[in-house]
Full PDB file with SEQRES, HELIX, SHEET, SSBOND, CRYST1, ORIGX, SCALE, CONECT and MASTER records, all heavy atoms in Angstrom:
SEQRES   1 A   45  GLY LEU ARG ALA ASN TRP ARG GLN PHE THR LEU LEU VAL          
SEQRES   2 A   45  LEU ILE ASN GLY PHE VAL GLY GLY MET VAL GLY LEU GLU          
SEQRES   3 A   45  ARG THR VAL VAL PRO LEU ILE ALA GLU GLN GLU PHE GLY          
SEQRES   4 A   45  LEU VAL SER ARG THR VAL                                      
HELIX    1 AA1 TRP A    6  ARG A   27  1                                  22    
HELIX    2 AA2 VAL A   30  GLN A   36  1                                   7    
CRYST1    1.000    1.000    1.000  90.00  90.00  90.00 P 1           1          
ORIGX1      1.000000  0.000000  0.000000        0.00000                         
ORIGX2      0.000000  1.000000  0.000000        0.00000                         
ORIGX3      0.000000  0.000000  1.000000        0.00000                         
SCALE1      1.000000  0.000000  0.000000        0.00000                         
SCALE2      0.000000  1.000000  0.000000        0.00000                         
SCALE3      0.000000  0.000000  1.000000        0.00000                         
ATOM      1  N   GLY A   1     -29.853  11.183 -52.545  1.00  0.00           N  
ATOM      2  CA  GLY A   1     -30.441  12.381 -53.147  1.00  0.00           C  
ATOM      3  C   GLY A   1     -29.538  13.588 -53.030  1.00  0.00           C  
ATOM      4  O   GLY A   1     -28.669  13.672 -52.154  1.00  0.00           O  
ATOM      5  N   LEU A   2     -29.757  14.548 -53.917  1.00  0.00           N  
ATOM      6  CA  LEU A   2     -28.958  15.773 -53.915  1.00  0.00           C  
ATOM      7  C   LEU A   2     -29.151  16.578 -52.639  1.00  0.00           C  
ATOM      8  O   LEU A   2     -28.200  17.091 -52.059  1.00  0.00           O  
ATOM      9  CB  LEU A   2     -29.329  16.633 -55.123  1.00  0.00           C  
ATOM     10  CG  LEU A   2     -28.730  16.230 -56.468  1.00  0.00           C  
ATOM     11  CD1 LEU A   2     -29.346  17.071 -57.572  1.00  0.00           C  
ATOM     12  CD2 LEU A   2     -27.224  16.409 -56.457  1.00  0.00           C  
ATOM     13  N   ARG A   3     -30.402  16.707 -52.218  1.00  0.00           N  
ATOM     14  CA  ARG A   3     -30.683  17.536 -51.041  1.00  0.00           C  
ATOM     15  C   ARG A   3     -30.042  16.956 -49.803  1.00  0.00           C  
ATOM     16  O   ARG A   3     -29.452  17.687 -48.985  1.00  0.00           O  
ATOM     17  CB  ARG A   3     -32.192  17.656 -50.861  1.00  0.00           C  
ATOM     18  CG  ARG A   3     -32.597  18.581 -49.709  1.00  0.00           C  
ATOM     19  CD  ARG A   3     -34.108  18.625 -49.560  1.00  0.00           C  
ATOM     20  NE  ARG A   3     -34.727  19.097 -50.799  1.00  0.00           N  
ATOM     21  CZ  ARG A   3     -36.016  18.919 -51.094  1.00  0.00           C  
ATOM     22  NH1 ARG A   3     -36.794  18.262 -50.273  1.00  0.00           N  
ATOM     23  NH2 ARG A   3     -36.507  19.391 -52.226  1.00  0.00           N  
ATOM     24  N   ALA A   4     -30.103  15.641 -49.632  1.00  0.00           N  
ATOM     25  CA  ALA A   4     -29.571  15.010 -48.432  1.00  0.00           C  
ATOM     26  C   ALA A   4     -28.043  15.036 -48.398  1.00  0.00           C  
ATOM     27  O   ALA A   4     -27.444  14.989 -47.317  1.00  0.00           O  
ATOM     28  CB  ALA A   4     -30.070  13.570 -48.343  1.00  0.00           C  
ATOM     29  N   ASN A   5     -27.409  15.123 -49.547  1.00  0.00           N  
ATOM     30  CA  ASN A   5     -25.945  15.008 -49.612  1.00  0.00           C  
ATOM     31  C   ASN A   5     -25.303  16.201 -50.309  1.00  0.00           C  
ATOM     32  O   ASN A   5     -24.248  16.072 -50.929  1.00  0.00           O  
ATOM     33  CB  ASN A   5     -25.582  13.718 -50.369  1.00  0.00           C  
ATOM     34  CG  ASN A   5     -26.119  12.479 -49.699  1.00  0.00           C  
ATOM     35  OD1 ASN A   5     -25.680  12.102 -48.619  1.00  0.00           O  
ATOM     36  ND2 ASN A   5     -27.091  11.841 -50.332  1.00  0.00           N  
ATOM     37  N   TRP A   6     -25.917  17.376 -50.172  1.00  0.00           N  
ATOM     38  CA  TRP A   6     -25.487  18.519 -50.972  1.00  0.00           C  
ATOM     39  C   TRP A   6     -24.065  18.972 -50.630  1.00  0.00           C  
ATOM     40  O   TRP A   6     -23.350  19.473 -51.497  1.00  0.00           O  
ATOM     41  CB  TRP A   6     -26.472  19.675 -50.827  1.00  0.00           C  
ATOM     42  CG  TRP A   6     -26.498  20.341 -49.481  1.00  0.00           C  
ATOM     43  CD1 TRP A   6     -27.298  20.034 -48.428  1.00  0.00           C  
ATOM     44  CD2 TRP A   6     -25.684  21.448 -49.052  1.00  0.00           C  
ATOM     45  NE1 TRP A   6     -27.037  20.865 -47.355  1.00  0.00           N  
ATOM     46  CE2 TRP A   6     -26.058  21.749 -47.718  1.00  0.00           C  
ATOM     47  CE3 TRP A   6     -24.688  22.212 -49.665  1.00  0.00           C  
ATOM     48  CZ2 TRP A   6     -25.461  22.766 -46.995  1.00  0.00           C  
ATOM     49  CZ3 TRP A   6     -24.089  23.235 -48.936  1.00  0.00           C  
ATOM     50  CH2 TRP A   6     -24.485  23.502 -47.620  1.00  0.00           C  
ATOM     51  N   ARG A   7     -23.638  18.797 -49.388  1.00  0.00           N  
ATOM     52  CA  ARG A   7     -22.297  19.259 -49.032  1.00  0.00           C  
ATOM     53  C   ARG A   7     -21.224  18.441 -49.758  1.00  0.00           C  
ATOM     54  O   ARG A   7     -20.316  19.004 -50.387  1.00  0.00           O  
ATOM     55  CB  ARG A   7     -22.085  19.167 -47.518  1.00  0.00           C  
ATOM     56  CG  ARG A   7     -22.899  20.181 -46.718  1.00  0.00           C  
ATOM     57  CD  ARG A   7     -22.597  20.044 -45.233  1.00  0.00           C  
ATOM     58  NE  ARG A   7     -23.336  21.011 -44.445  1.00  0.00           N  
ATOM     59  CZ  ARG A   7     -24.591  20.836 -44.006  1.00  0.00           C  
ATOM     60  NH1 ARG A   7     -25.228  19.698 -44.296  1.00  0.00           N  
ATOM     61  NH2 ARG A   7     -25.198  21.768 -43.302  1.00  0.00           N  
ATOM     62  N   GLN A   8     -21.311  17.125 -49.663  1.00  0.00           N  
ATOM     63  CA  GLN A   8     -20.341  16.289 -50.355  1.00  0.00           C  
ATOM     64  C   GLN A   8     -20.472  16.425 -51.873  1.00  0.00           C  
ATOM     65  O   GLN A   8     -19.464  16.443 -52.595  1.00  0.00           O  
ATOM     66  CB  GLN A   8     -20.523  14.827 -49.943  1.00  0.00           C  
ATOM     67  CG  GLN A   8     -19.848  14.449 -48.650  1.00  0.00           C  
ATOM     68  CD  GLN A   8     -18.322  14.468 -48.745  1.00  0.00           C  
ATOM     69  OE1 GLN A   8     -17.722  13.738 -49.536  1.00  0.00           O  
ATOM     70  NE2 GLN A   8     -17.678  15.317 -47.936  1.00  0.00           N  
ATOM     71  N   PHE A   9     -21.698  16.538 -52.357  1.00  0.00           N  
ATOM     72  CA  PHE A   9     -21.917  16.688 -53.787  1.00  0.00           C  
ATOM     73  C   PHE A   9     -21.265  17.968 -54.301  1.00  0.00           C  
ATOM     74  O   PHE A   9     -20.584  17.969 -55.330  1.00  0.00           O  
ATOM     75  CB  PHE A   9     -23.416  16.690 -54.091  1.00  0.00           C  
ATOM     76  CG  PHE A   9     -23.739  16.590 -55.551  1.00  0.00           C  
ATOM     77  CD1 PHE A   9     -23.974  15.362 -56.136  1.00  0.00           C  
ATOM     78  CD2 PHE A   9     -23.798  17.722 -56.349  1.00  0.00           C  
ATOM     79  CE1 PHE A   9     -24.262  15.261 -57.494  1.00  0.00           C  
ATOM     80  CE2 PHE A   9     -24.083  17.641 -57.699  1.00  0.00           C  
ATOM     81  CZ  PHE A   9     -24.321  16.394 -58.279  1.00  0.00           C  
ATOM     82  N   THR A  10     -21.457  19.069 -53.572  1.00  0.00           N  
ATOM     83  CA  THR A  10     -20.868  20.356 -53.975  1.00  0.00           C  
ATOM     84  C   THR A  10     -19.348  20.289 -53.955  1.00  0.00           C  
ATOM     85  O   THR A  10     -18.670  20.827 -54.848  1.00  0.00           O  
ATOM     86  CB  THR A  10     -21.357  21.474 -53.041  1.00  0.00           C  
ATOM     87  OG1 THR A  10     -22.785  21.534 -53.083  1.00  0.00           O  
ATOM     88  CG2 THR A  10     -20.791  22.819 -53.459  1.00  0.00           C  
ATOM     89  N   LEU A  11     -18.785  19.625 -52.947  1.00  0.00           N  
ATOM     90  CA  LEU A  11     -17.338  19.462 -52.873  1.00  0.00           C  
ATOM     91  C   LEU A  11     -16.822  18.691 -54.083  1.00  0.00           C  
ATOM     92  O   LEU A  11     -15.802  19.064 -54.689  1.00  0.00           O  
ATOM     93  CB  LEU A  11     -16.971  18.729 -51.582  1.00  0.00           C  
ATOM     94  CG  LEU A  11     -15.491  18.388 -51.389  1.00  0.00           C  
ATOM     95  CD1 LEU A  11     -14.647  19.653 -51.370  1.00  0.00           C  
ATOM     96  CD2 LEU A  11     -15.299  17.586 -50.104  1.00  0.00           C  
ATOM     97  N   LEU A  12     -17.529  17.644 -54.483  1.00  0.00           N  
ATOM     98  CA  LEU A  12     -17.115  16.859 -55.637  1.00  0.00           C  
ATOM     99  C   LEU A  12     -17.251  17.647 -56.937  1.00  0.00           C  
ATOM    100  O   LEU A  12     -16.457  17.474 -57.867  1.00  0.00           O  
ATOM    101  CB  LEU A  12     -17.919  15.564 -55.707  1.00  0.00           C  
ATOM    102  CG  LEU A  12     -17.595  14.535 -54.613  1.00  0.00           C  
ATOM    103  CD1 LEU A  12     -18.645  13.436 -54.581  1.00  0.00           C  
ATOM    104  CD2 LEU A  12     -16.208  13.943 -54.828  1.00  0.00           C  
ATOM    105  N   VAL A  13     -18.255  18.509 -57.020  1.00  0.00           N  
ATOM    106  CA  VAL A  13     -18.382  19.394 -58.179  1.00  0.00           C  
ATOM    107  C   VAL A  13     -17.169  20.316 -58.271  1.00  0.00           C  
ATOM    108  O   VAL A  13     -16.587  20.509 -59.352  1.00  0.00           O  
ATOM    109  CB  VAL A  13     -19.691  20.207 -58.109  1.00  0.00           C  
ATOM    110  CG1 VAL A  13     -19.700  21.330 -59.139  1.00  0.00           C  
ATOM    111  CG2 VAL A  13     -20.904  19.302 -58.333  1.00  0.00           C  
ATOM    112  N   LEU A  14     -16.776  20.882 -57.137  1.00  0.00           N  
ATOM    113  CA  LEU A  14     -15.600  21.764 -57.113  1.00  0.00           C  
ATOM    114  C   LEU A  14     -14.348  21.011 -57.542  1.00  0.00           C  
ATOM    115  O   LEU A  14     -13.556  21.510 -58.358  1.00  0.00           O  
ATOM    116  CB  LEU A  14     -15.421  22.335 -55.704  1.00  0.00           C  
ATOM    117  CG  LEU A  14     -14.165  23.190 -55.478  1.00  0.00           C  
ATOM    118  CD1 LEU A  14     -14.204  24.447 -56.323  1.00  0.00           C  
ATOM    119  CD2 LEU A  14     -14.020  23.537 -53.991  1.00  0.00           C  
ATOM    120  N   ILE A  15     -14.172  19.814 -57.011  1.00  0.00           N  
ATOM    121  CA  ILE A  15     -12.988  19.028 -57.346  1.00  0.00           C  
ATOM    122  C   ILE A  15     -12.974  18.692 -58.827  1.00  0.00           C  
ATOM    123  O   ILE A  15     -11.917  18.714 -59.484  1.00  0.00           O  
ATOM    124  CB  ILE A  15     -12.929  17.756 -56.480  1.00  0.00           C  
ATOM    125  CG1 ILE A  15     -12.594  18.141 -55.025  1.00  0.00           C  
ATOM    126  CG2 ILE A  15     -11.901  16.763 -57.010  1.00  0.00           C  
ATOM    127  CD1 ILE A  15     -12.703  17.009 -54.047  1.00  0.00           C  
ATOM    128  N   ASN A  16     -14.146  18.392 -59.396  1.00  0.00           N  
ATOM    129  CA  ASN A  16     -14.167  18.086 -60.820  1.00  0.00           C  
ATOM    130  C   ASN A  16     -13.837  19.322 -61.666  1.00  0.00           C  
ATOM    131  O   ASN A  16     -13.345  19.202 -62.781  1.00  0.00           O  
ATOM    132  CB  ASN A  16     -15.516  17.512 -61.239  1.00  0.00           C  
ATOM    133  CG  ASN A  16     -15.399  16.649 -62.471  1.00  0.00           C  
ATOM    134  OD1 ASN A  16     -14.597  15.711 -62.502  1.00  0.00           O  
ATOM    135  ND2 ASN A  16     -16.160  16.964 -63.501  1.00  0.00           N  
ATOM    136  N   GLY A  17     -14.111  20.495 -61.114  1.00  0.00           N  
ATOM    137  CA  GLY A  17     -13.647  21.706 -61.778  1.00  0.00           C  
ATOM    138  C   GLY A  17     -12.131  21.746 -61.867  1.00  0.00           C  
ATOM    139  O   GLY A  17     -11.552  22.114 -62.902  1.00  0.00           O  
ATOM    140  N   PHE A  18     -11.454  21.345 -60.792  1.00  0.00           N  
ATOM    141  CA  PHE A  18      -9.991  21.274 -60.831  1.00  0.00           C  
ATOM    142  C   PHE A  18      -9.528  20.253 -61.869  1.00  0.00           C  
ATOM    143  O   PHE A  18      -8.547  20.482 -62.586  1.00  0.00           O  
ATOM    144  CB  PHE A  18      -9.437  20.883 -59.454  1.00  0.00           C  
ATOM    145  CG  PHE A  18      -9.765  21.840 -58.344  1.00  0.00           C  
ATOM    146  CD1 PHE A  18      -9.869  21.397 -57.035  1.00  0.00           C  
ATOM    147  CD2 PHE A  18      -9.964  23.188 -58.600  1.00  0.00           C  
ATOM    148  CE1 PHE A  18     -10.153  22.269 -55.998  1.00  0.00           C  
ATOM    149  CE2 PHE A  18     -10.254  24.073 -57.571  1.00  0.00           C  
ATOM    150  CZ  PHE A  18     -10.354  23.609 -56.264  1.00  0.00           C  
ATOM    151  N   VAL A  19     -10.251  19.123 -61.950  1.00  0.00           N  
ATOM    152  CA  VAL A  19      -9.892  18.077 -62.916  1.00  0.00           C  
ATOM    153  C   VAL A  19      -9.996  18.615 -64.346  1.00  0.00           C  
ATOM    154  O   VAL A  19      -9.093  18.428 -65.173  1.00  0.00           O  
ATOM    155  CB  VAL A  19     -10.797  16.846 -62.738  1.00  0.00           C  
ATOM    156  CG1 VAL A  19     -10.434  15.766 -63.760  1.00  0.00           C  
ATOM    157  CG2 VAL A  19     -10.676  16.263 -61.333  1.00  0.00           C  
ATOM    158  N   GLY A  20     -11.108  19.281 -64.649  1.00  0.00           N  
ATOM    159  CA  GLY A  20     -11.291  19.844 -65.976  1.00  0.00           C  
ATOM    160  C   GLY A  20     -10.261  20.894 -66.308  1.00  0.00           C  
ATOM    161  O   GLY A  20      -9.779  20.987 -67.447  1.00  0.00           O  
ATOM    162  N   GLY A  21      -9.888  21.687 -65.323  1.00  0.00           N  
ATOM    163  CA  GLY A  21      -8.885  22.717 -65.547  1.00  0.00           C  
ATOM    164  C   GLY A  21      -7.543  22.154 -65.974  1.00  0.00           C  
ATOM    165  O   GLY A  21      -6.816  22.783 -66.750  1.00  0.00           O  
ATOM    166  N   MET A  22      -7.200  20.943 -65.507  1.00  0.00           N  
ATOM    167  CA  MET A  22      -5.932  20.333 -65.900  1.00  0.00           C  
ATOM    168  C   MET A  22      -5.885  20.035 -67.398  1.00  0.00           C  
ATOM    169  O   MET A  22      -4.828  20.108 -68.021  1.00  0.00           O  
ATOM    170  CB  MET A  22      -5.699  19.048 -65.105  1.00  0.00           C  
ATOM    171  CG  MET A  22      -5.449  19.266 -63.620  1.00  0.00           C  
ATOM    172  SD  MET A  22      -3.963  20.231 -63.256  1.00  0.00           S  
ATOM    173  CE  MET A  22      -2.680  19.111 -63.822  1.00  0.00           C  
ATOM    174  N   VAL A  23      -7.037  19.696 -68.007  1.00  0.00           N  
ATOM    175  CA  VAL A  23      -7.078  19.485 -69.454  1.00  0.00           C  
ATOM    176  C   VAL A  23      -7.075  20.826 -70.181  1.00  0.00           C  
ATOM    177  O   VAL A  23      -6.485  20.964 -71.258  1.00  0.00           O  
ATOM    178  CB  VAL A  23      -8.310  18.656 -69.851  1.00  0.00           C  
ATOM    179  CG1 VAL A  23      -8.316  18.376 -71.344  1.00  0.00           C  
ATOM    180  CG2 VAL A  23      -8.330  17.339 -69.093  1.00  0.00           C  
ATOM    181  N   GLY A  24      -7.727  21.831 -69.590  1.00  0.00           N  
ATOM    182  CA  GLY A  24      -7.753  23.152 -70.199  1.00  0.00           C  
ATOM    183  C   GLY A  24      -6.375  23.759 -70.375  1.00  0.00           C  
ATOM    184  O   GLY A  24      -6.171  24.620 -71.245  1.00  0.00           O  
ATOM    185  N   LEU A  25      -5.404  23.308 -69.572  1.00  0.00           N  
ATOM    186  CA  LEU A  25      -4.028  23.791 -69.716  1.00  0.00           C  
ATOM    187  C   LEU A  25      -3.507  23.638 -71.136  1.00  0.00           C  
ATOM    188  O   LEU A  25      -2.683  24.429 -71.602  1.00  0.00           O  
ATOM    189  CB  LEU A  25      -3.100  22.984 -68.787  1.00  0.00           C  
ATOM    190  CG  LEU A  25      -3.093  23.281 -67.298  1.00  0.00           C  
ATOM    191  CD1 LEU A  25      -2.202  22.273 -66.597  1.00  0.00           C  
ATOM    192  CD2 LEU A  25      -2.621  24.695 -67.024  1.00  0.00           C  
ATOM    193  N   GLU A  26      -3.975  22.608 -71.843  1.00  0.00           N  
ATOM    194  CA  GLU A  26      -3.367  22.231 -73.114  1.00  0.00           C  
ATOM    195  C   GLU A  26      -4.187  22.631 -74.329  1.00  0.00           C  
ATOM    196  O   GLU A  26      -3.732  22.454 -75.456  1.00  0.00           O  
ATOM    197  CB  GLU A  26      -3.144  20.720 -73.126  1.00  0.00           C  
ATOM    198  CG  GLU A  26      -2.297  20.236 -71.961  1.00  0.00           C  
ATOM    199  CD  GLU A  26      -1.867  18.807 -72.159  1.00  0.00           C  
ATOM    200  OE1 GLU A  26      -2.709  17.993 -72.563  1.00  0.00           O  
ATOM    201  OE2 GLU A  26      -0.693  18.518 -71.944  1.00  0.00           O  
ATOM    202  N   ARG A  27      -5.386  23.108 -74.132  1.00  0.00           N  
ATOM    203  CA  ARG A  27      -6.281  23.329 -75.268  1.00  0.00           C  
ATOM    204  C   ARG A  27      -5.778  24.390 -76.235  1.00  0.00           C  
ATOM    205  O   ARG A  27      -6.000  24.299 -77.434  1.00  0.00           O  
ATOM    206  CB  ARG A  27      -7.665  23.734 -74.744  1.00  0.00           C  
ATOM    207  CG  ARG A  27      -8.454  22.588 -74.157  1.00  0.00           C  
ATOM    208  CD  ARG A  27      -9.079  21.761 -75.257  1.00  0.00           C  
ATOM    209  NE  ARG A  27      -9.608  20.514 -74.741  1.00  0.00           N  
ATOM    210  CZ  ARG A  27     -10.553  19.811 -75.340  1.00  0.00           C  
ATOM    211  NH1 ARG A  27     -11.069  20.235 -76.485  1.00  0.00           N  
ATOM    212  NH2 ARG A  27     -10.968  18.672 -74.834  1.00  0.00           N  
ATOM    213  N   THR A  28      -5.132  25.402 -75.732  1.00  0.00           N  
ATOM    214  CA  THR A  28      -4.683  26.497 -76.586  1.00  0.00           C  
ATOM    215  C   THR A  28      -3.202  26.407 -76.908  1.00  0.00           C  
ATOM    216  O   THR A  28      -2.780  26.600 -78.058  1.00  0.00           O  
ATOM    217  CB  THR A  28      -4.971  27.849 -75.900  1.00  0.00           C  
ATOM    218  OG1 THR A  28      -6.369  27.940 -75.613  1.00  0.00           O  
ATOM    219  CG2 THR A  28      -4.556  29.006 -76.795  1.00  0.00           C  
ATOM    220  N   VAL A  29      -2.385  26.081 -75.920  1.00  0.00           N  
ATOM    221  CA  VAL A  29      -0.947  26.333 -76.011  1.00  0.00           C  
ATOM    222  C   VAL A  29      -0.144  25.169 -76.568  1.00  0.00           C  
ATOM    223  O   VAL A  29       0.781  25.370 -77.361  1.00  0.00           O  
ATOM    224  CB  VAL A  29      -0.403  26.742 -74.621  1.00  0.00           C  
ATOM    225  CG1 VAL A  29       1.099  26.975 -74.664  1.00  0.00           C  
ATOM    226  CG2 VAL A  29      -1.118  27.990 -74.123  1.00  0.00           C  
ATOM    227  N   VAL A  30      -0.456  23.934 -76.167  1.00  0.00           N  
ATOM    228  CA  VAL A  30       0.422  22.810 -76.503  1.00  0.00           C  
ATOM    229  C   VAL A  30       0.558  22.586 -78.012  1.00  0.00           C  
ATOM    230  O   VAL A  30       1.683  22.366 -78.496  1.00  0.00           O  
ATOM    231  CB  VAL A  30      -0.028  21.530 -75.776  1.00  0.00           C  
ATOM    232  CG1 VAL A  30       0.739  20.313 -76.286  1.00  0.00           C  
ATOM    233  CG2 VAL A  30       0.199  21.674 -74.271  1.00  0.00           C  
ATOM    234  N   PRO A  31      -0.528  22.626 -78.818  1.00  0.00           N  
ATOM    235  CA  PRO A  31      -0.305  22.485 -80.264  1.00  0.00           C  
ATOM    236  C   PRO A  31       0.610  23.572 -80.837  1.00  0.00           C  
ATOM    237  O   PRO A  31       1.369  23.322 -81.779  1.00  0.00           O  
ATOM    238  CB  PRO A  31      -1.727  22.585 -80.846  1.00  0.00           C  
ATOM    239  CG  PRO A  31      -2.630  22.162 -79.743  1.00  0.00           C  
ATOM    240  CD  PRO A  31      -1.975  22.682 -78.508  1.00  0.00           C  
ATOM    241  N   LEU A  32       0.535  24.783 -80.262  1.00  0.00           N  
ATOM    242  CA  LEU A  32       1.391  25.871 -80.730  1.00  0.00           C  
ATOM    243  C   LEU A  32       2.840  25.655 -80.307  1.00  0.00           C  
ATOM    244  O   LEU A  32       3.772  26.005 -81.035  1.00  0.00           O  
ATOM    245  CB  LEU A  32       0.871  27.203 -80.195  1.00  0.00           C  
ATOM    246  CG  LEU A  32      -0.565  27.553 -80.594  1.00  0.00           C  
ATOM    247  CD1 LEU A  32      -0.978  28.882 -79.982  1.00  0.00           C  
ATOM    248  CD2 LEU A  32      -0.722  27.584 -82.106  1.00  0.00           C  
ATOM    249  N   ILE A  33       3.057  25.067 -79.121  1.00  0.00           N  
ATOM    250  CA  ILE A  33       4.413  24.718 -78.691  1.00  0.00           C  
ATOM    251  C   ILE A  33       5.039  23.740 -79.681  1.00  0.00           C  
ATOM    252  O   ILE A  33       6.220  23.848 -80.035  1.00  0.00           O  
ATOM    253  CB  ILE A  33       4.399  24.112 -77.268  1.00  0.00           C  
ATOM    254  CG1 ILE A  33       4.037  25.181 -76.222  1.00  0.00           C  
ATOM    255  CG2 ILE A  33       5.747  23.482 -76.924  1.00  0.00           C  
ATOM    256  CD1 ILE A  33       3.867  24.638 -74.819  1.00  0.00           C  
ATOM    257  N   ALA A  34       4.236  22.770 -80.141  1.00  0.00           N  
ATOM    258  CA  ALA A  34       4.745  21.764 -81.080  1.00  0.00           C  
ATOM    259  C   ALA A  34       5.288  22.417 -82.334  1.00  0.00           C  
ATOM    260  O   ALA A  34       6.385  22.058 -82.813  1.00  0.00           O  
ATOM    261  CB  ALA A  34       3.626  20.780 -81.432  1.00  0.00           C  
ATOM    262  N   GLU A  35       4.565  23.370 -82.884  1.00  0.00           N  
ATOM    263  CA  GLU A  35       4.988  24.022 -84.122  1.00  0.00           C  
ATOM    264  C   GLU A  35       6.078  25.064 -83.896  1.00  0.00           C  
ATOM    265  O   GLU A  35       7.091  25.078 -84.592  1.00  0.00           O  
ATOM    266  CB  GLU A  35       3.777  24.688 -84.799  1.00  0.00           C  
ATOM    267  CG  GLU A  35       2.941  23.751 -85.641  1.00  0.00           C  
ATOM    268  CD  GLU A  35       2.032  24.505 -86.589  1.00  0.00           C  
ATOM    269  OE1 GLU A  35       1.707  25.679 -86.311  1.00  0.00           O  
ATOM    270  OE2 GLU A  35       1.628  23.919 -87.602  1.00  0.00           O  
ATOM    271  N   GLN A  36       5.850  25.927 -82.898  1.00  0.00           N  
ATOM    272  CA  GLN A  36       6.692  27.116 -82.785  1.00  0.00           C  
ATOM    273  C   GLN A  36       7.980  26.877 -82.000  1.00  0.00           C  
ATOM    274  O   GLN A  36       8.990  27.546 -82.246  1.00  0.00           O  
ATOM    275  CB  GLN A  36       5.883  28.249 -82.150  1.00  0.00           C  
ATOM    276  CG  GLN A  36       4.692  28.679 -83.004  1.00  0.00           C  
ATOM    277  CD  GLN A  36       3.858  29.784 -82.360  1.00  0.00           C  
ATOM    278  OE1 GLN A  36       4.364  30.536 -81.519  1.00  0.00           O  
ATOM    279  NE2 GLN A  36       2.595  29.889 -82.754  1.00  0.00           N  
ATOM    280  N   GLU A  37       7.968  25.951 -81.021  1.00  0.00           N  
ATOM    281  CA  GLU A  37       9.175  25.727 -80.227  1.00  0.00           C  
ATOM    282  C   GLU A  37       9.952  24.499 -80.673  1.00  0.00           C  
ATOM    283  O   GLU A  37      11.179  24.487 -80.623  1.00  0.00           O  
ATOM    284  CB  GLU A  37       8.813  25.608 -78.746  1.00  0.00           C  
ATOM    285  CG  GLU A  37       8.325  26.916 -78.135  1.00  0.00           C  
ATOM    286  CD  GLU A  37       8.402  26.911 -76.622  1.00  0.00           C  
ATOM    287  OE1 GLU A  37       8.945  25.938 -76.054  1.00  0.00           O  
ATOM    288  OE2 GLU A  37       7.932  27.878 -76.008  1.00  0.00           O  
ATOM    289  N   PHE A  38       9.231  23.438 -81.083  1.00  0.00           N  
ATOM    290  CA  PHE A  38       9.919  22.206 -81.459  1.00  0.00           C  
ATOM    291  C   PHE A  38       9.959  21.999 -82.970  1.00  0.00           C  
ATOM    292  O   PHE A  38      10.553  21.027 -83.441  1.00  0.00           O  
ATOM    293  CB  PHE A  38       9.263  21.005 -80.777  1.00  0.00           C  
ATOM    294  CG  PHE A  38       9.416  21.023 -79.274  1.00  0.00           C  
ATOM    295  CD1 PHE A  38       8.306  21.162 -78.450  1.00  0.00           C  
ATOM    296  CD2 PHE A  38      10.658  20.921 -78.685  1.00  0.00           C  
ATOM    297  CE1 PHE A  38       8.432  21.176 -77.070  1.00  0.00           C  
ATOM    298  CE2 PHE A  38      10.808  20.939 -77.308  1.00  0.00           C  
ATOM    299  CZ  PHE A  38       9.695  21.077 -76.496  1.00  0.00           C  
ATOM    300  N   GLY A  39       9.334  22.898 -83.746  1.00  0.00           N  
ATOM    301  CA  GLY A  39       9.415  22.844 -85.194  1.00  0.00           C  
ATOM    302  C   GLY A  39       8.784  21.624 -85.830  1.00  0.00           C  
ATOM    303  O   GLY A  39       9.199  21.206 -86.921  1.00  0.00           O  
ATOM    304  N   LEU A  40       7.768  21.034 -85.201  1.00  0.00           N  
ATOM    305  CA  LEU A  40       7.125  19.844 -85.753  1.00  0.00           C  
ATOM    306  C   LEU A  40       6.229  20.235 -86.925  1.00  0.00           C  
ATOM    307  O   LEU A  40       5.513  21.234 -86.877  1.00  0.00           O  
ATOM    308  CB  LEU A  40       6.303  19.134 -84.678  1.00  0.00           C  
ATOM    309  CG  LEU A  40       7.087  18.633 -83.445  1.00  0.00           C  
ATOM    310  CD1 LEU A  40       6.155  17.924 -82.491  1.00  0.00           C  
ATOM    311  CD2 LEU A  40       8.223  17.718 -83.859  1.00  0.00           C  
ATOM    312  N   VAL A  41       6.271  19.432 -87.971  1.00  0.00           N  
ATOM    313  CA  VAL A  41       5.483  19.695 -89.176  1.00  0.00           C  
ATOM    314  C   VAL A  41       4.388  18.653 -89.351  1.00  0.00           C  
ATOM    315  O   VAL A  41       3.246  18.979 -89.668  1.00  0.00           O  
ATOM    316  CB  VAL A  41       6.390  19.727 -90.427  1.00  0.00           C  
ATOM    317  CG1 VAL A  41       5.546  19.902 -91.688  1.00  0.00           C  
ATOM    318  CG2 VAL A  41       7.428  20.844 -90.308  1.00  0.00           C  
ATOM    319  N   SER A  42       4.696  17.393 -89.119  1.00  0.00           N  
ATOM    320  CA  SER A  42       3.730  16.306 -89.292  1.00  0.00           C  
ATOM    321  C   SER A  42       2.579  16.449 -88.303  1.00  0.00           C  
ATOM    322  O   SER A  42       2.791  16.540 -87.082  1.00  0.00           O  
ATOM    323  CB  SER A  42       4.413  14.951 -89.092  1.00  0.00           C  
ATOM    324  OG  SER A  42       3.454  13.920 -88.981  1.00  0.00           O  
ATOM    325  N   ARG A  43       1.354  16.475 -88.827  1.00  0.00           N  
ATOM    326  CA  ARG A  43       0.182  16.568 -87.946  1.00  0.00           C  
ATOM    327  C   ARG A  43       0.053  15.307 -87.096  1.00  0.00           C  
ATOM    328  O   ARG A  43      -0.415  15.362 -85.951  1.00  0.00           O  
ATOM    329  CB  ARG A  43      -1.101  16.759 -88.766  1.00  0.00           C  
ATOM    330  CG  ARG A  43      -1.054  17.907 -89.767  1.00  0.00           C  
ATOM    331  CD  ARG A  43      -0.632  19.220 -89.149  1.00  0.00           C  
ATOM    332  NE  ARG A  43      -0.661  20.315 -90.113  1.00  0.00           N  
ATOM    333  CZ  ARG A  43      -0.122  21.486 -89.929  1.00  0.00           C  
ATOM    334  NH1 ARG A  43       0.525  21.745 -88.811  1.00  0.00           N  
ATOM    335  NH2 ARG A  43      -0.195  22.433 -90.837  1.00  0.00           N  
ATOM    336  N   THR A  44       0.458  14.167 -87.632  1.00  0.00           N  
ATOM    337  CA  THR A  44       0.393  12.923 -86.860  1.00  0.00           C  
ATOM    338  C   THR A  44       1.300  13.006 -85.641  1.00  0.00           C  
ATOM    339  O   THR A  44       0.919  12.594 -84.537  1.00  0.00           O  
ATOM    340  CB  THR A  44       0.797  11.729 -87.734  1.00  0.00           C  
ATOM    341  OG1 THR A  44      -0.054  11.676 -88.882  1.00  0.00           O  
ATOM    342  CG2 THR A  44       0.682  10.422 -86.971  1.00  0.00           C  
ATOM    343  N   VAL A  45       2.489  13.548 -85.805  1.00  0.00           N  
ATOM    344  CA  VAL A  45       3.421  13.685 -84.680  1.00  0.00           C  
ATOM    345  C   VAL A  45       2.898  14.709 -83.682  1.00  0.00           C  
ATOM    346  O   VAL A  45       2.947  14.491 -82.457  1.00  0.00           O  
ATOM    347  CB  VAL A  45       4.825  14.076 -85.178  1.00  0.00           C  
ATOM    348  CG1 VAL A  45       5.757  14.336 -84.002  1.00  0.00           C  
ATOM    349  CG2 VAL A  45       5.391  12.979 -86.065  1.00  0.00           C  
TER     350      VAL A  45                                                      
MASTER        0    0    0    2    0    0    0    6  349    1    0    4          
END                                                                             
């Protein structure tokens, strides 16, 4: 149960925040790097 294991559960919630943040690194910038720094045109590439 959540109440009995709240300390470990909360720690795992925090850690999953770090996990999600690693994907957030790329949501805005990486597609723009492809176009603006490497000059890629093909959407497939």
